[in-house]
Amino acid sequence: MIDARIYELIPHREPMLLINRVIELGQNFSCAEITISERSSFFIAGKGVPSWIGVEYMGQTAALIAGYQLQQGTVAPHLGLLLGTRKYEAFVPYFRAGDLLHVRCSEVAVVGDSLANFQCEIINLRDHSRCASAKLSVFRKPLTNQEQQEIPSTTGASA
């Protein structure tokens, strides 16, 4: 089940909405929860969700921060475009059915209005192990008035 707050914060929708619940959210920090099941997007029977999907888990969790900042009026409407991932390290090959993941992201630097950097990690609550970590760089593309009208009003307009 998807936490309704997510729909108010980011424009992602099923089947590409991959996070399930907002655990914690603030001006520069977010934590999202993901329950891995056979119905999870990208699930491979007998294996699970490939750990490289963790980059998207991190990106959506980082987007929660931008959605929160937009709601607070501290940033202008924009689309977040993942420019790069540095030092993505996965310590497991797959996220398995039954895993309960917490994805934590901190906004560590902002350059002007157009570039944000995040430090992220994925923790498996099953055994409290660190499954993955990375640094993300996100370009913030300002939205024109027309683009703002085309995005559903219930979203934070940050991808």
C-alpha atoms as a PDB file:
ATOM      1  CA  MET A   1       0.000   0.000   0.000  1.00  0.00           C
ATOM      2  CA  ILE A   2       1.281   3.461  -0.932  1.00  0.00           C
ATOM      3  CA  ASP A   3       1.371   6.296   1.608  1.00  0.00           C
ATOM      4  CA  ALA A   4      -0.942   9.028   0.215  1.00  0.00           C
ATOM      5  CA  ARG A   5       1.601  11.739   1.163  1.00  0.00           C
ATOM      6  CA  ILE A   6       3.921  10.478  -1.569  1.00  0.00           C
ATOM      7  CA  TYR A   7       1.405  11.528  -4.249  1.00  0.00           C
ATOM      8  CA  GLU A   8       1.458  15.071  -2.840  1.00  0.00           C
ATOM      9  CA  LEU A   9       5.258  15.270  -2.899  1.00  0.00           C
ATOM     10  CA  ILE A  10       6.488  13.650  -6.121  1.00  0.00           C
ATOM     11  CA  PRO A  11       5.007  13.136  -9.621  1.00  0.00           C
ATOM     12  CA  HIS A  12       5.937   9.444  -9.902  1.00  0.00           C
ATOM     13  CA  ARG A  13       3.025   7.052 -10.410  1.00  0.00           C
ATOM     14  CA  GLU A  14       2.633   3.298 -10.685  1.00  0.00           C
ATOM     15  CA  PRO A  15       4.262   1.256 -12.018  1.00  0.00           C
ATOM     16  CA  MET A  16       7.295   3.541 -11.658  1.00  0.00           C
ATOM     17  CA  LEU A  17       6.421   4.753  -8.159  1.00  0.00           C
ATOM     18  CA  LEU A  18       8.726   2.456  -6.232  1.00  0.00           C
ATOM     19  CA  ILE A  19       8.664   3.784  -2.659  1.00  0.00           C
ATOM     20  CA  ASN A  20       5.807   2.829  -0.331  1.00  0.00           C
ATOM     21  CA  ARG A  21       5.847   5.068   2.723  1.00  0.00           C
ATOM     22  CA  VAL A  22       7.343   8.296   4.060  1.00  0.00           C
ATOM     23  CA  ILE A  23       9.087   7.597   7.365  1.00  0.00           C
ATOM     24  CA  GLU A  24      10.739  10.955   7.959  1.00  0.00           C
ATOM     25  CA  LEU A  25      10.874  14.176   5.967  1.00  0.00           C
ATOM     26  CA  GLY A  26      12.425  17.569   6.510  1.00  0.00           C
ATOM     27  CA  GLN A  27      14.093  20.481   4.764  1.00  0.00           C
ATOM     28  CA  ASN A  28      17.266  18.501   3.964  1.00  0.00           C
ATOM     29  CA  PHE A  29      16.533  14.884   4.929  1.00  0.00           C
ATOM     30  CA  SER A  30      14.150  12.110   3.949  1.00  0.00           C
ATOM     31  CA  CYS A  31      13.599   8.468   4.773  1.00  0.00           C
ATOM     32  CA  ALA A  32      11.274   6.240   2.746  1.00  0.00           C
ATOM     33  CA  GLU A  33      10.209   2.661   3.279  1.00  0.00           C
ATOM     34  CA  ILE A  34       9.966  -0.044   0.639  1.00  0.00           C
ATOM     35  CA  THR A  35       8.487  -3.486   1.173  1.00  0.00           C
ATOM     36  CA  ILE A  36       9.839  -5.983  -1.314  1.00  0.00           C
ATOM     37  CA  SER A  37       7.334  -8.545  -2.570  1.00  0.00           C
ATOM     38  CA  GLU A  38       6.683 -10.638  -5.645  1.00  0.00           C
ATOM     39  CA  ARG A  39       4.482  -7.748  -6.846  1.00  0.00           C
ATOM     40  CA  SER A  40       7.307  -5.186  -6.633  1.00  0.00           C
ATOM     41  CA  SER A  41       8.291  -3.559  -9.917  1.00  0.00           C
ATOM     42  CA  PHE A  42      11.347  -5.286 -11.435  1.00  0.00           C
ATOM     43  CA  PHE A  43      10.950  -8.380  -9.204  1.00  0.00           C
ATOM     44  CA  ILE A  44      12.566 -11.504 -10.709  1.00  0.00           C
ATOM     45  CA  ALA A  45      11.036 -14.778  -9.518  1.00  0.00           C
ATOM     46  CA  GLY A  46      13.367 -16.750  -7.291  1.00  0.00           C
ATOM     47  CA  LYS A  47      15.771 -13.814  -6.908  1.00  0.00           C
ATOM     48  CA  GLY A  48      14.112 -10.519  -6.017  1.00  0.00           C
ATOM     49  CA  VAL A  49      14.620  -6.944  -7.192  1.00  0.00           C
ATOM     50  CA  PRO A  50      18.125  -6.360  -8.618  1.00  0.00           C
ATOM     51  CA  SER A  51      20.123  -4.118  -6.310  1.00  0.00           C
ATOM     52  CA  TRP A  52      20.874  -1.643  -9.108  1.00  0.00           C
ATOM     53  CA  ILE A  53      17.214  -0.559  -8.807  1.00  0.00           C
ATOM     54  CA  GLY A  54      18.407   0.954  -5.524  1.00  0.00           C
ATOM     55  CA  VAL A  55      19.548   3.999  -7.511  1.00  0.00           C
ATOM     56  CA  GLU A  56      15.900   4.730  -8.377  1.00  0.00           C
ATOM     57  CA  TYR A  57      14.821   4.067  -4.778  1.00  0.00           C
ATOM     58  CA  MET A  58      17.364   6.697  -3.749  1.00  0.00           C
ATOM     59  CA  GLY A  59      16.275   9.133  -6.466  1.00  0.00           C
ATOM     60  CA  GLN A  60      12.622   8.960  -5.438  1.00  0.00           C
ATOM     61  CA  THR A  61      13.536   9.360  -1.776  1.00  0.00           C
ATOM     62  CA  ALA A  62      15.661  12.406  -2.619  1.00  0.00           C
ATOM     63  CA  ALA A  63      12.724  13.800  -4.633  1.00  0.00           C
ATOM     64  CA  LEU A  64      10.654  13.765  -1.436  1.00  0.00           C
ATOM     65  CA  ILE A  65      12.974  16.479  -0.091  1.00  0.00           C
ATOM     66  CA  ALA A  66      12.354  18.698  -3.130  1.00  0.00           C
ATOM     67  CA  GLY A  67       8.604  18.121  -2.832  1.00  0.00           C
ATOM     68  CA  TYR A  68       8.737  19.137   0.829  1.00  0.00           C
ATOM     69  CA  GLN A  69      10.834  22.221  -0.008  1.00  0.00           C
ATOM     70  CA  LEU A  70       8.304  23.197  -2.681  1.00  0.00           C
ATOM     71  CA  GLN A  71       5.434  22.856  -0.194  1.00  0.00           C
ATOM     72  CA  GLN A  72       7.374  25.038   2.258  1.00  0.00           C
ATOM     73  CA  GLY A  73       8.025  27.660  -0.445  1.00  0.00           C
ATOM     74  CA  THR A  74      11.815  27.378  -0.227  1.00  0.00           C
ATOM     75  CA  VAL A  75      12.294  26.296  -3.876  1.00  0.00           C
ATOM     76  CA  ALA A  76      10.583  27.198  -7.137  1.00  0.00           C
ATOM     77  CA  PRO A  77       8.650  24.551  -9.114  1.00  0.00           C
ATOM     78  CA  HIS A  78      11.077  22.349 -11.025  1.00  0.00           C
ATOM     79  CA  LEU A  79      11.735  18.882 -12.375  1.00  0.00           C
ATOM     80  CA  GLY A  80      14.611  16.967 -10.840  1.00  0.00           C
ATOM     81  CA  LEU A  81      16.699  15.102 -13.398  1.00  0.00           C
ATOM     82  CA  LEU A  82      19.307  12.613 -12.195  1.00  0.00           C
ATOM     83  CA  LEU A  83      22.615  13.722 -13.687  1.00  0.00           C
ATOM     84  CA  GLY A  84      24.839  11.153 -12.116  1.00  0.00           C
ATOM     85  CA  THR A  85      25.538   8.658  -9.415  1.00  0.00           C
ATOM     86  CA  ARG A  86      28.926   8.463  -7.775  1.00  0.00           C
ATOM     87  CA  LYS A  87      30.232   5.596  -5.743  1.00  0.00           C
ATOM     88  CA  TYR A  88      27.101   3.442  -5.961  1.00  0.00           C
ATOM     89  CA  GLU A  89      27.983   0.422  -3.889  1.00  0.00           C
ATOM     90  CA  ALA A  90      25.585  -2.476  -3.539  1.00  0.00           C
ATOM     91  CA  PHE A  91      26.408  -4.980  -0.836  1.00  0.00           C
ATOM     92  CA  VAL A  92      23.725  -7.473  -1.933  1.00  0.00           C
ATOM     93  CA  PRO A  93      22.875  -8.657  -5.466  1.00  0.00           C
ATOM     94  CA  TYR A  94      19.079  -8.575  -4.901  1.00  0.00           C
ATOM     95  CA  PHE A  95      16.501  -7.154  -2.516  1.00  0.00           C
ATOM     96  CA  ARG A  96      14.512 -10.272  -1.594  1.00  0.00           C
ATOM     97  CA  ALA A  97      10.819 -10.846  -0.993  1.00  0.00           C
ATOM     98  CA  GLY A  98      10.056  -9.944   2.612  1.00  0.00           C
ATOM     99  CA  ASP A  99      12.837  -7.363   2.887  1.00  0.00           C
ATOM    100  CA  LEU A 100      11.782  -4.114   4.527  1.00  0.00           C
ATOM    101  CA  LEU A 101      14.075  -1.350   3.297  1.00  0.00           C
ATOM    102  CA  HIS A 102      14.640   2.142   4.629  1.00  0.00           C
ATOM    103  CA  VAL A 103      16.136   4.522   2.092  1.00  0.00           C
ATOM    104  CA  ARG A 104      17.765   7.547   3.714  1.00  0.00           C
ATOM    105  CA  CYS A 105      18.827  10.651   1.787  1.00  0.00           C
ATOM    106  CA  SER A 106      20.464  13.866   2.923  1.00  0.00           C
ATOM    107  CA  GLU A 107      20.824  16.934   0.741  1.00  0.00           C
ATOM    108  CA  VAL A 108      24.498  17.736   1.294  1.00  0.00           C
ATOM    109  CA  ALA A 109      25.091  20.583  -1.177  1.00  0.00           C
ATOM    110  CA  VAL A 110      23.161  22.933  -3.440  1.00  0.00           C
ATOM    111  CA  VAL A 111      24.911  24.904  -6.188  1.00  0.00           C
ATOM    112  CA  GLY A 112      22.830  27.903  -7.202  1.00  0.00           C
ATOM    113  CA  ASP A 113      19.239  27.001  -8.003  1.00  0.00           C
ATOM    114  CA  SER A 114      20.039  24.236 -10.453  1.00  0.00           C
ATOM    115  CA  LEU A 115      22.201  21.520  -8.874  1.00  0.00           C
ATOM    116  CA  ALA A 116      21.657  19.473  -5.713  1.00  0.00           C
ATOM    117  CA  ASN A 117      23.810  16.688  -4.292  1.00  0.00           C
ATOM    118  CA  PHE A 118      22.557  13.928  -2.016  1.00  0.00           C
ATOM    119  CA  GLN A 119      24.164  11.259   0.153  1.00  0.00           C
ATOM    120  CA  CYS A 120      21.963   8.150   0.252  1.00  0.00           C
ATOM    121  CA  GLU A 121      21.908   4.695   1.777  1.00  0.00           C
ATOM    122  CA  ILE A 122      19.595   1.699   1.900  1.00  0.00           C
ATOM    123  CA  ILE A 123      19.204  -0.248   5.148  1.00  0.00           C
ATOM    124  CA  ASN A 124      17.470  -3.634   5.349  1.00  0.00           C
ATOM    125  CA  LEU A 125      15.455  -3.646   8.571  1.00  0.00           C
ATOM    126  CA  ARG A 126      15.350  -7.456   8.511  1.00  0.00           C
ATOM    127  CA  ASP A 127      18.928  -7.556   9.850  1.00  0.00           C
ATOM    128  CA  HIS A 128      19.817  -3.812   9.988  1.00  0.00           C
ATOM    129  CA  SER A 129      22.439  -4.304   7.291  1.00  0.00           C
ATOM    130  CA  ARG A 130      23.527  -1.616   4.867  1.00  0.00           C
ATOM    131  CA  CYS A 131      22.499  -2.826   1.398  1.00  0.00           C
ATOM    132  CA  ALA A 132      23.684   0.077  -0.746  1.00  0.00           C
ATOM    133  CA  SER A 133      25.035   3.622  -0.690  1.00  0.00           C
ATOM    134  CA  ALA A 134      25.641   6.366  -3.244  1.00  0.00           C
ATOM    135  CA  LYS A 135      26.011  10.056  -3.941  1.00  0.00           C
ATOM    136  CA  LEU A 136      23.459  11.500  -6.368  1.00  0.00           C
ATOM    137  CA  SER A 137      23.719  14.681  -8.427  1.00  0.00           C
ATOM    138  CA  VAL A 138      20.388  16.159  -9.545  1.00  0.00           C
ATOM    139  CA  PHE A 139      19.743  18.964 -12.026  1.00  0.00           C
ATOM    140  CA  ARG A 140      16.773  21.147 -11.117  1.00  0.00           C
ATOM    141  CA  LYS A 141      15.078  22.224 -14.354  1.00  0.00           C
ATOM    142  CA  PRO A 142      12.826  25.226 -13.705  1.00  0.00           C
ATOM    143  CA  LEU A 143       9.276  24.737 -14.967  1.00  0.00           C
ATOM    144  CA  THR A 144       7.652  27.213 -17.324  1.00  0.00           C
ATOM    145  CA  ASN A 145       4.126  28.394 -16.488  1.00  0.00           C
ATOM    146  CA  GLN A 146       2.735  26.065 -19.162  1.00  0.00           C
ATOM    147  CA  GLU A 147       4.663  23.080 -17.766  1.00  0.00           C
ATOM    148  CA  GLN A 148       3.388  23.867 -14.264  1.00  0.00           C
ATOM    149  CA  GLN A 149      -0.190  23.721 -15.560  1.00  0.00           C
ATOM    150  CA  GLU A 150       0.416  20.343 -17.214  1.00  0.00           C
ATOM    151  CA  ILE A 151       1.616  18.656 -14.005  1.00  0.00           C
ATOM    152  CA  PRO A 152      -1.159  17.499 -11.656  1.00  0.00           C
ATOM    153  CA  SER A 153      -1.642  20.031  -8.855  1.00  0.00           C
ATOM    154  CA  THR A 154      -1.373  17.331  -6.187  1.00  0.00           C
ATOM    155  CA  THR A 155       2.359  16.820  -6.834  1.00  0.00           C
ATOM    156  CA  GLY A 156       5.425  18.623  -5.660  1.00  0.00           C
ATOM    157  CA  ALA A 157       6.582  18.675  -9.300  1.00  0.00           C
ATOM    158  CA  SER A 158       9.992  17.245  -8.570  1.00  0.00           C
ATOM    159  CA  ALA A 159      11.116  14.036 -10.196  1.00  0.00           C
END
